[in-house]
All heavy atoms as atom14 arrays in JSON, in Angstrom:
{
  "sequence": "EETALIASIEGGRGTPHPRPPYPAASGVWGLPTLINN",
  "atom14_mask": [
    [1, 1, 1, 1, 1, 1, 1, 1, 1, 0, 0, 0, 0, 0],
    [1, 1, 1, 1, 1, 1, 1, 1, 1, 0, 0, 0, 0, 0],
    [1, 1, 1, 1, 1, 1, 1, 0, 0, 0, 0, 0, 0, 0],
    [1, 1, 1, 1, 1, 0, 0, 0, 0, 0, 0, 0, 0, 0],
    [1, 1, 1, 1, 1, 1, 1, 1, 0, 0, 0, 0, 0, 0],
    [1, 1, 1, 1, 1, 1, 1, 1, 0, 0, 0, 0, 0, 0],
    [1, 1, 1, 1, 1, 0, 0, 0, 0, 0, 0, 0, 0, 0],
    [1, 1, 1, 1, 1, 1, 0, 0, 0, 0, 0, 0, 0, 0],
    [1, 1, 1, 1, 1, 1, 1, 1, 0, 0, 0, 0, 0, 0],
    [1, 1, 1, 1, 1, 1, 1, 1, 1, 0, 0, 0, 0, 0],
    [1, 1, 1, 1, 0, 0, 0, 0, 0, 0, 0, 0, 0, 0],
    [1, 1, 1, 1, 0, 0, 0, 0, 0, 0, 0, 0, 0, 0],
    [1, 1, 1, 1, 1, 1, 1, 1, 1, 1, 1, 0, 0, 0],
    [1, 1, 1, 1, 0, 0, 0, 0, 0, 0, 0, 0, 0, 0],
    [1, 1, 1, 1, 1, 1, 1, 0, 0, 0, 0, 0, 0, 0],
    [1, 1, 1, 1, 1, 1, 1, 0, 0, 0, 0, 0, 0, 0],
    [1, 1, 1, 1, 1, 1, 1, 1, 1, 1, 0, 0, 0, 0],
    [1, 1, 1, 1, 1, 1, 1, 0, 0, 0, 0, 0, 0, 0],
    [1, 1, 1, 1, 1, 1, 1, 1, 1, 1, 1, 0, 0, 0],
    [1, 1, 1, 1, 1, 1, 1, 0, 0, 0, 0, 0, 0, 0],
    [1, 1, 1, 1, 1, 1, 1, 0, 0, 0, 0, 0, 0, 0],
    [1, 1, 1, 1, 1, 1, 1, 1, 1, 1, 1, 1, 0, 0],
    [1, 1, 1, 1, 1, 1, 1, 0, 0, 0, 0, 0, 0, 0],
    [1, 1, 1, 1, 1, 0, 0, 0, 0, 0, 0, 0, 0, 0],
    [1, 1, 1, 1, 1, 0, 0, 0, 0, 0, 0, 0, 0, 0],
    [1, 1, 1, 1, 1, 1, 0, 0, 0, 0, 0, 0, 0, 0],
    [1, 1, 1, 1, 0, 0, 0, 0, 0, 0, 0, 0, 0, 0],
    [1, 1, 1, 1, 1, 1, 1, 0, 0, 0, 0, 0, 0, 0],
    [1, 1, 1, 1, 1, 1, 1, 1, 1, 1, 1, 1, 1, 1],
    [1, 1, 1, 1, 0, 0, 0, 0, 0, 0, 0, 0, 0, 0],
    [1, 1, 1, 1, 1, 1, 1, 1, 0, 0, 0, 0, 0, 0],
    [1, 1, 1, 1, 1, 1, 1, 0, 0, 0, 0, 0, 0, 0],
    [1, 1, 1, 1, 1, 1, 1, 0, 0, 0, 0, 0, 0, 0],
    [1, 1, 1, 1, 1, 1, 1, 1, 0, 0, 0, 0, 0, 0],
    [1, 1, 1, 1, 1, 1, 1, 1, 0, 0, 0, 0, 0, 0],
    [1, 1, 1, 1, 1, 1, 1, 1, 0, 0, 0, 0, 0, 0],
    [1, 1, 1, 1, 1, 1, 1, 1, 0, 0, 0, 0, 0, 0]
  ],
  "atom14_positions": [
    [[166.69, 51.32, -54.39], [165.53, 50.6, -54.94], [166.01, 49.26, -55.5], [167.09, 49.18, -56.1], [164.87, 51.45, -56.04], [163.54, 50.94, -56.52], [163.68, 49.88, -57.6], [164.68, 49.89, -58.34], [162.77, 49.04, -57.71], [0.0, 0.0, 0.0], [0.0, 0.0, 0.0], [0.0, 0.0, 0.0], [0.0, 0.0, 0.0], [0.0, 0.0, 0.0]],
    [[165.22, 48.22, -55.29], [165.71, 46.85, -55.53], [166.2, 46.61, -56.95], [167.27, 46.03, -57.15], [164.61, 45.85, -55.17], [164.34, 45.75, -53.69], [163.33, 44.67, -53.36], [162.55, 44.27, -54.25], [163.3, 44.22, -52.21], [0.0, 0.0, 0.0], [0.0, 0.0, 0.0], [0.0, 0.0, 0.0], [0.0, 0.0, 0.0], [0.0, 0.0, 0.0]],
    [[165.43, 47.01, -57.97], [165.85, 46.68, -59.35], [167.07, 47.5, -59.76], [167.92, 47.01, -60.5], [164.68, 46.9, -60.33], [164.27, 48.28, -60.3], [163.5, 46.02, -59.97], [0.0, 0.0, 0.0], [0.0, 0.0, 0.0], [0.0, 0.0, 0.0], [0.0, 0.0, 0.0], [0.0, 0.0, 0.0], [0.0, 0.0, 0.0], [0.0, 0.0, 0.0]],
    [[167.16, 48.76, -59.28], [168.36, 49.56, -59.57], [169.57, 48.97, -58.85], [170.69, 48.94, -59.39], [168.13, 51.0, -59.14], [0.0, 0.0, 0.0], [0.0, 0.0, 0.0], [0.0, 0.0, 0.0], [0.0, 0.0, 0.0], [0.0, 0.0, 0.0], [0.0, 0.0, 0.0], [0.0, 0.0, 0.0], [0.0, 0.0, 0.0], [0.0, 0.0, 0.0]],
    [[169.36, 48.5, -57.63], [170.42, 47.84, -56.87], [170.95, 46.62, -57.61], [172.16, 46.41, -57.72], [169.86, 47.44, -55.5], [170.74, 46.65, -54.56], [171.78, 47.54, -53.92], [169.89, 45.99, -53.47], [0.0, 0.0, 0.0], [0.0, 0.0, 0.0], [0.0, 0.0, 0.0], [0.0, 0.0, 0.0], [0.0, 0.0, 0.0], [0.0, 0.0, 0.0]],
    [[170.04, 45.82, -58.12], [170.44, 44.61, -58.86], [171.24, 44.97, -60.09], [172.28, 44.36, -60.39], [169.19, 43.78, -59.21], [168.59, 43.17, -57.94], [169.52, 42.7, -60.24], [167.21, 42.58, -58.14], [0.0, 0.0, 0.0], [0.0, 0.0, 0.0], [0.0, 0.0, 0.0], [0.0, 0.0, 0.0], [0.0, 0.0, 0.0], [0.0, 0.0, 0.0]],
    [[170.78, 45.99, -60.84], [171.5, 46.41, -62.04], [172.92, 46.86, -61.69], [173.87, 46.55, -62.41], [170.74, 47.54, -62.73], [0.0, 0.0, 0.0], [0.0, 0.0, 0.0], [0.0, 0.0, 0.0], [0.0, 0.0, 0.0], [0.0, 0.0, 0.0], [0.0, 0.0, 0.0], [0.0, 0.0, 0.0], [0.0, 0.0, 0.0], [0.0, 0.0, 0.0]],
    [[173.07, 47.57, -60.57], [174.39, 48.03, -60.17], [175.28, 46.87, -59.74], [176.47, 46.84, -60.07], [174.23, 49.04, -59.03], [175.48, 49.59, -58.66], [0.0, 0.0, 0.0], [0.0, 0.0, 0.0], [0.0, 0.0, 0.0], [0.0, 0.0, 0.0], [0.0, 0.0, 0.0], [0.0, 0.0, 0.0], [0.0, 0.0, 0.0], [0.0, 0.0, 0.0]],
    [[174.72, 45.9, -59.02], [175.5, 44.72, -58.62], [176.03, 43.98, -59.84], [177.16, 43.49, -59.85], [174.63, 43.79, -57.74], [174.43, 44.39, -56.36], [175.28, 42.4, -57.62], [173.49, 43.6, -55.47], [0.0, 0.0, 0.0], [0.0, 0.0, 0.0], [0.0, 0.0, 0.0], [0.0, 0.0, 0.0], [0.0, 0.0, 0.0], [0.0, 0.0, 0.0]],
    [[175.22, 43.93, -60.88], [175.6, 43.22, -62.1], [176.58, 44.0, -62.96], [177.04, 43.5, -63.99], [174.36, 42.88, -62.91], [173.44, 41.88, -62.24], [172.14, 41.66, -63.0], [171.8, 42.51, -63.86], [171.48, 40.64, -62.75], [0.0, 0.0, 0.0], [0.0, 0.0, 0.0], [0.0, 0.0, 0.0], [0.0, 0.0, 0.0], [0.0, 0.0, 0.0]],
    [[176.9, 45.23, -62.54], [177.86, 46.03, -63.29], [177.25, 47.0, -64.25], [177.97, 47.68, -65.0], [0.0, 0.0, 0.0], [0.0, 0.0, 0.0], [0.0, 0.0, 0.0], [0.0, 0.0, 0.0], [0.0, 0.0, 0.0], [0.0, 0.0, 0.0], [0.0, 0.0, 0.0], [0.0, 0.0, 0.0], [0.0, 0.0, 0.0], [0.0, 0.0, 0.0]],
    [[175.93, 47.1, -64.27], [175.25, 48.02, -65.17], [174.98, 49.35, -64.51], [175.36, 49.6, -63.36], [0.0, 0.0, 0.0], [0.0, 0.0, 0.0], [0.0, 0.0, 0.0], [0.0, 0.0, 0.0], [0.0, 0.0, 0.0], [0.0, 0.0, 0.0], [0.0, 0.0, 0.0], [0.0, 0.0, 0.0], [0.0, 0.0, 0.0], [0.0, 0.0, 0.0]],
    [[174.3, 50.22, -65.24], [173.91, 51.5, -64.69], [172.77, 51.28, -63.7], [171.82, 50.55, -63.99], [173.47, 52.45, -65.8], [173.1, 53.83, -65.3], [172.69, 54.74, -66.44], [172.3, 56.07, -65.93], [171.87, 57.04, -66.7], [171.75, 56.85, -68.01], [171.53, 58.21, -66.16], [0.0, 0.0, 0.0], [0.0, 0.0, 0.0], [0.0, 0.0, 0.0]],
    [[172.86, 51.93, -62.55], [171.87, 51.7, -61.5], [170.57, 52.44, -61.74], [170.32, 53.47, -61.12], [0.0, 0.0, 0.0], [0.0, 0.0, 0.0], [0.0, 0.0, 0.0], [0.0, 0.0, 0.0], [0.0, 0.0, 0.0], [0.0, 0.0, 0.0], [0.0, 0.0, 0.0], [0.0, 0.0, 0.0], [0.0, 0.0, 0.0], [0.0, 0.0, 0.0]],
    [[169.77, 51.94, -62.64], [168.46, 52.54, -62.9], [167.38, 51.48, -62.67], [167.59, 50.29, -62.94], [168.34, 53.08, -64.33], [168.65, 52.03, -65.25], [169.3, 54.22, -64.56], [0.0, 0.0, 0.0], [0.0, 0.0, 0.0], [0.0, 0.0, 0.0], [0.0, 0.0, 0.0], [0.0, 0.0, 0.0], [0.0, 0.0, 0.0], [0.0, 0.0, 0.0]],
    [[166.21, 51.89, -62.17], [165.15, 50.92, -61.88], [164.45, 50.41, -63.13], [164.53, 51.02, -64.2], [164.18, 51.73, -61.0], [164.42, 53.14, -61.38], [165.86, 53.26, -61.76], [0.0, 0.0, 0.0], [0.0, 0.0, 0.0], [0.0, 0.0, 0.0], [0.0, 0.0, 0.0], [0.0, 0.0, 0.0], [0.0, 0.0, 0.0], [0.0, 0.0, 0.0]],
    [[163.8, 49.27, -62.97], [163.06, 48.63, -64.06], [161.68, 48.24, -63.58], [161.48, 48.0, -62.38], [163.82, 47.4, -64.57], [165.2, 47.7, -65.05], [165.47, 48.23, -66.3], [166.41, 47.6, -64.43], [166.77, 48.41, -66.44], [167.37, 48.03, -65.32], [0.0, 0.0, 0.0], [0.0, 0.0, 0.0], [0.0, 0.0, 0.0], [0.0, 0.0, 0.0]],
    [[160.72, 48.18, -64.49], [159.35, 47.81, -64.07], [159.32, 46.4, -63.47], [160.12, 45.54, -63.82], [158.55, 47.87, -65.38], [159.35, 48.74, -66.3], [160.78, 48.51, -65.92], [0.0, 0.0, 0.0], [0.0, 0.0, 0.0], [0.0, 0.0, 0.0], [0.0, 0.0, 0.0], [0.0, 0.0, 0.0], [0.0, 0.0, 0.0], [0.0, 0.0, 0.0]],
    [[158.38, 46.2, -62.54], [158.14, 44.88, -61.95], [156.69, 44.52, -62.19], [155.83, 45.43, -62.17], [158.45, 44.9, -60.45], [159.9, 45.22, -60.14], [160.17, 45.27, -58.65], [159.45, 46.36, -58.0], [159.49, 46.62, -56.69], [160.23, 45.86, -55.9], [158.82, 47.62, -56.18], [0.0, 0.0, 0.0], [0.0, 0.0, 0.0], [0.0, 0.0, 0.0]],
    [[156.33, 43.25, -62.4], [157.19, 42.06, -62.37], [158.11, 41.97, -63.59], [157.91, 42.71, -64.53], [156.15, 40.92, -62.35], [154.93, 41.49, -63.01], [154.92, 42.95, -62.67], [0.0, 0.0, 0.0], [0.0, 0.0, 0.0], [0.0, 0.0, 0.0], [0.0, 0.0, 0.0], [0.0, 0.0, 0.0], [0.0, 0.0, 0.0], [0.0, 0.0, 0.0]],
    [[159.09, 41.02, -63.53], [159.3, 40.05, -62.44], [159.9, 40.71, -61.21], [160.69, 41.65, -61.31], [160.27, 39.04, -63.05], [161.06, 39.84, -64.05], [160.09, 40.84, -64.62], [0.0, 0.0, 0.0], [0.0, 0.0, 0.0], [0.0, 0.0, 0.0], [0.0, 0.0, 0.0], [0.0, 0.0, 0.0], [0.0, 0.0, 0.0], [0.0, 0.0, 0.0]],
    [[159.52, 40.21, -60.06], [160.07, 40.68, -58.79], [161.38, 39.94, -58.51], [161.6, 38.83, -59.0], [159.06, 40.47, -57.66], [157.87, 41.39, -57.76], [156.73, 41.01, -58.47], [157.9, 42.64, -57.16], [155.64, 41.86, -58.58], [156.81, 43.5, -57.26], [155.68, 43.11, -57.96], [154.62, 43.94, -58.08], [0.0, 0.0, 0.0], [0.0, 0.0, 0.0]],
    [[162.27, 40.57, -57.71], [163.55, 39.91, -57.43], [163.42, 38.5, -56.87], [164.29, 37.66, -57.11], [164.2, 40.86, -56.41], [163.62, 42.2, -56.73], [162.19, 41.93, -57.14], [0.0, 0.0, 0.0], [0.0, 0.0, 0.0], [0.0, 0.0, 0.0], [0.0, 0.0, 0.0], [0.0, 0.0, 0.0], [0.0, 0.0, 0.0], [0.0, 0.0, 0.0]],
    [[162.36, 38.24, -56.11], [162.2, 36.9, -55.54], [162.09, 35.84, -56.62], [162.39, 34.66, -56.39], [160.96, 36.86, -54.64], [0.0, 0.0, 0.0], [0.0, 0.0, 0.0], [0.0, 0.0, 0.0], [0.0, 0.0, 0.0], [0.0, 0.0, 0.0], [0.0, 0.0, 0.0], [0.0, 0.0, 0.0], [0.0, 0.0, 0.0], [0.0, 0.0, 0.0]],
    [[161.65, 36.25, -57.82], [161.55, 35.3, -58.94], [162.74, 35.43, -59.87], [163.27, 34.43, -60.37], [160.25, 35.53, -59.7], [0.0, 0.0, 0.0], [0.0, 0.0, 0.0], [0.0, 0.0, 0.0], [0.0, 0.0, 0.0], [0.0, 0.0, 0.0], [0.0, 0.0, 0.0], [0.0, 0.0, 0.0], [0.0, 0.0, 0.0], [0.0, 0.0, 0.0]],
    [[163.16, 36.66, -60.15], [164.28, 36.89, -61.08], [165.01, 38.15, -60.65], [164.53, 39.27, -60.89], [163.75, 37.05, -62.51], [164.83, 37.31, -63.41], [0.0, 0.0, 0.0], [0.0, 0.0, 0.0], [0.0, 0.0, 0.0], [0.0, 0.0, 0.0], [0.0, 0.0, 0.0], [0.0, 0.0, 0.0], [0.0, 0.0, 0.0], [0.0, 0.0, 0.0]],
    [[166.16, 37.96, -60.0], [166.92, 39.09, -59.49], [168.31, 39.14, -60.06], [168.49, 39.25, -61.27], [0.0, 0.0, 0.0], [0.0, 0.0, 0.0], [0.0, 0.0, 0.0], [0.0, 0.0, 0.0], [0.0, 0.0, 0.0], [0.0, 0.0, 0.0], [0.0, 0.0, 0.0], [0.0, 0.0, 0.0], [0.0, 0.0, 0.0], [0.0, 0.0, 0.0]],
    [[169.32, 39.03, -59.2], [170.72, 39.1, -59.63], [171.02, 37.95, -60.59], [170.78, 36.79, -60.28], [171.66, 39.06, -58.41], [173.12, 39.08, -58.85], [171.38, 40.24, -57.48], [0.0, 0.0, 0.0], [0.0, 0.0, 0.0], [0.0, 0.0, 0.0], [0.0, 0.0, 0.0], [0.0, 0.0, 0.0], [0.0, 0.0, 0.0], [0.0, 0.0, 0.0]],
    [[171.52, 38.3, -61.77], [171.83, 37.32, -62.82], [170.62, 36.47, -63.19], [170.76, 35.34, -63.63], [173.0, 36.41, -62.41], [174.17, 37.11, -61.81], [174.69, 36.91, -60.57], [174.96, 38.15, -62.41], [175.75, 37.75, -60.35], [175.96, 38.53, -61.46], [174.95, 38.81, -63.64], [176.9, 39.51, -61.72], [175.89, 39.79, -63.89], [176.84, 40.13, -62.93]],
    [[169.41, 36.99, -62.98], [168.19, 36.25, -63.29], [167.83, 35.18, -62.29], [166.88, 34.42, -62.52], [0.0, 0.0, 0.0], [0.0, 0.0, 0.0], [0.0, 0.0, 0.0], [0.0, 0.0, 0.0], [0.0, 0.0, 0.0], [0.0, 0.0, 0.0], [0.0, 0.0, 0.0], [0.0, 0.0, 0.0], [0.0, 0.0, 0.0], [0.0, 0.0, 0.0]],
    [[168.56, 35.12, -61.15], [168.31, 34.1, -60.14], [167.34, 34.62, -59.08], [167.29, 35.82, -58.81], [169.62, 33.7, -59.46], [170.72, 33.15, -60.37], [172.02, 32.98, -59.59], [170.29, 31.83, -61.0], [0.0, 0.0, 0.0], [0.0, 0.0, 0.0], [0.0, 0.0, 0.0], [0.0, 0.0, 0.0], [0.0, 0.0, 0.0], [0.0, 0.0, 0.0]],
    [[166.56, 33.74, -58.45], [165.72, 34.17, -57.33], [166.59, 34.85, -56.27], [167.61, 34.29, -55.83], [165.12, 32.87, -56.82], [165.14, 31.94, -58.0], [166.39, 32.3, -58.76], [0.0, 0.0, 0.0], [0.0, 0.0, 0.0], [0.0, 0.0, 0.0], [0.0, 0.0, 0.0], [0.0, 0.0, 0.0], [0.0, 0.0, 0.0], [0.0, 0.0, 0.0]],
    [[166.19, 36.04, -55.84], [167.04, 36.86, -54.99], [166.27, 37.4, -53.79], [165.17, 37.95, -53.93], [167.62, 38.05, -55.79], [168.39, 37.53, -56.89], [168.51, 38.91, -54.93], [0.0, 0.0, 0.0], [0.0, 0.0, 0.0], [0.0, 0.0, 0.0], [0.0, 0.0, 0.0], [0.0, 0.0, 0.0], [0.0, 0.0, 0.0], [0.0, 0.0, 0.0]],
    [[166.85, 37.23, -52.62], [166.31, 37.79, -51.38], [167.07, 39.07, -51.06], [168.29, 39.06, -50.98], [166.47, 36.79, -50.23], [166.17, 37.32, -48.83], [164.69, 37.62, -48.67], [166.65, 36.34, -47.77], [0.0, 0.0, 0.0], [0.0, 0.0, 0.0], [0.0, 0.0, 0.0], [0.0, 0.0, 0.0], [0.0, 0.0, 0.0], [0.0, 0.0, 0.0]],
    [[166.34, 40.18, -50.85], [166.96, 41.46, -50.53], [166.38, 41.99, -49.23], [165.16, 42.17, -49.11], [166.75, 42.5, -51.66], [167.27, 41.97, -53.0], [167.46, 43.81, -51.3], [167.02, 42.92, -54.16], [0.0, 0.0, 0.0], [0.0, 0.0, 0.0], [0.0, 0.0, 0.0], [0.0, 0.0, 0.0], [0.0, 0.0, 0.0], [0.0, 0.0, 0.0]],
    [[167.23, 42.22, -48.25], [166.87, 42.92, -47.01], [167.97, 43.91, -46.69], [169.1, 43.79, -47.18], [166.71, 41.96, -45.83], [165.43, 41.13, -45.91], [165.46, 39.91, -45.77], [164.3, 41.77, -46.13], [0.0, 0.0, 0.0], [0.0, 0.0, 0.0], [0.0, 0.0, 0.0], [0.0, 0.0, 0.0], [0.0, 0.0, 0.0], [0.0, 0.0, 0.0]],
    [[167.68, 44.87, -45.82], [168.73, 45.84, -45.47], [169.56, 45.33, -44.3], [169.26, 44.29, -43.7], [168.13, 47.23, -45.22], [167.69, 47.43, -43.79], [167.15, 46.53, -43.16], [167.91, 48.61, -43.26], [0.0, 0.0, 0.0], [0.0, 0.0, 0.0], [0.0, 0.0, 0.0], [0.0, 0.0, 0.0], [0.0, 0.0, 0.0], [0.0, 0.0, 0.0]]
  ]
}
């Protein structure tokens, strides 16, 4: 799941978070982030 994935990339525990904000607006390190498989 995108928000859990982002948390794990940042070194945190991989748990999801409510949206918005969506990753396209605020993702990895708070930067606009594009996620595809």
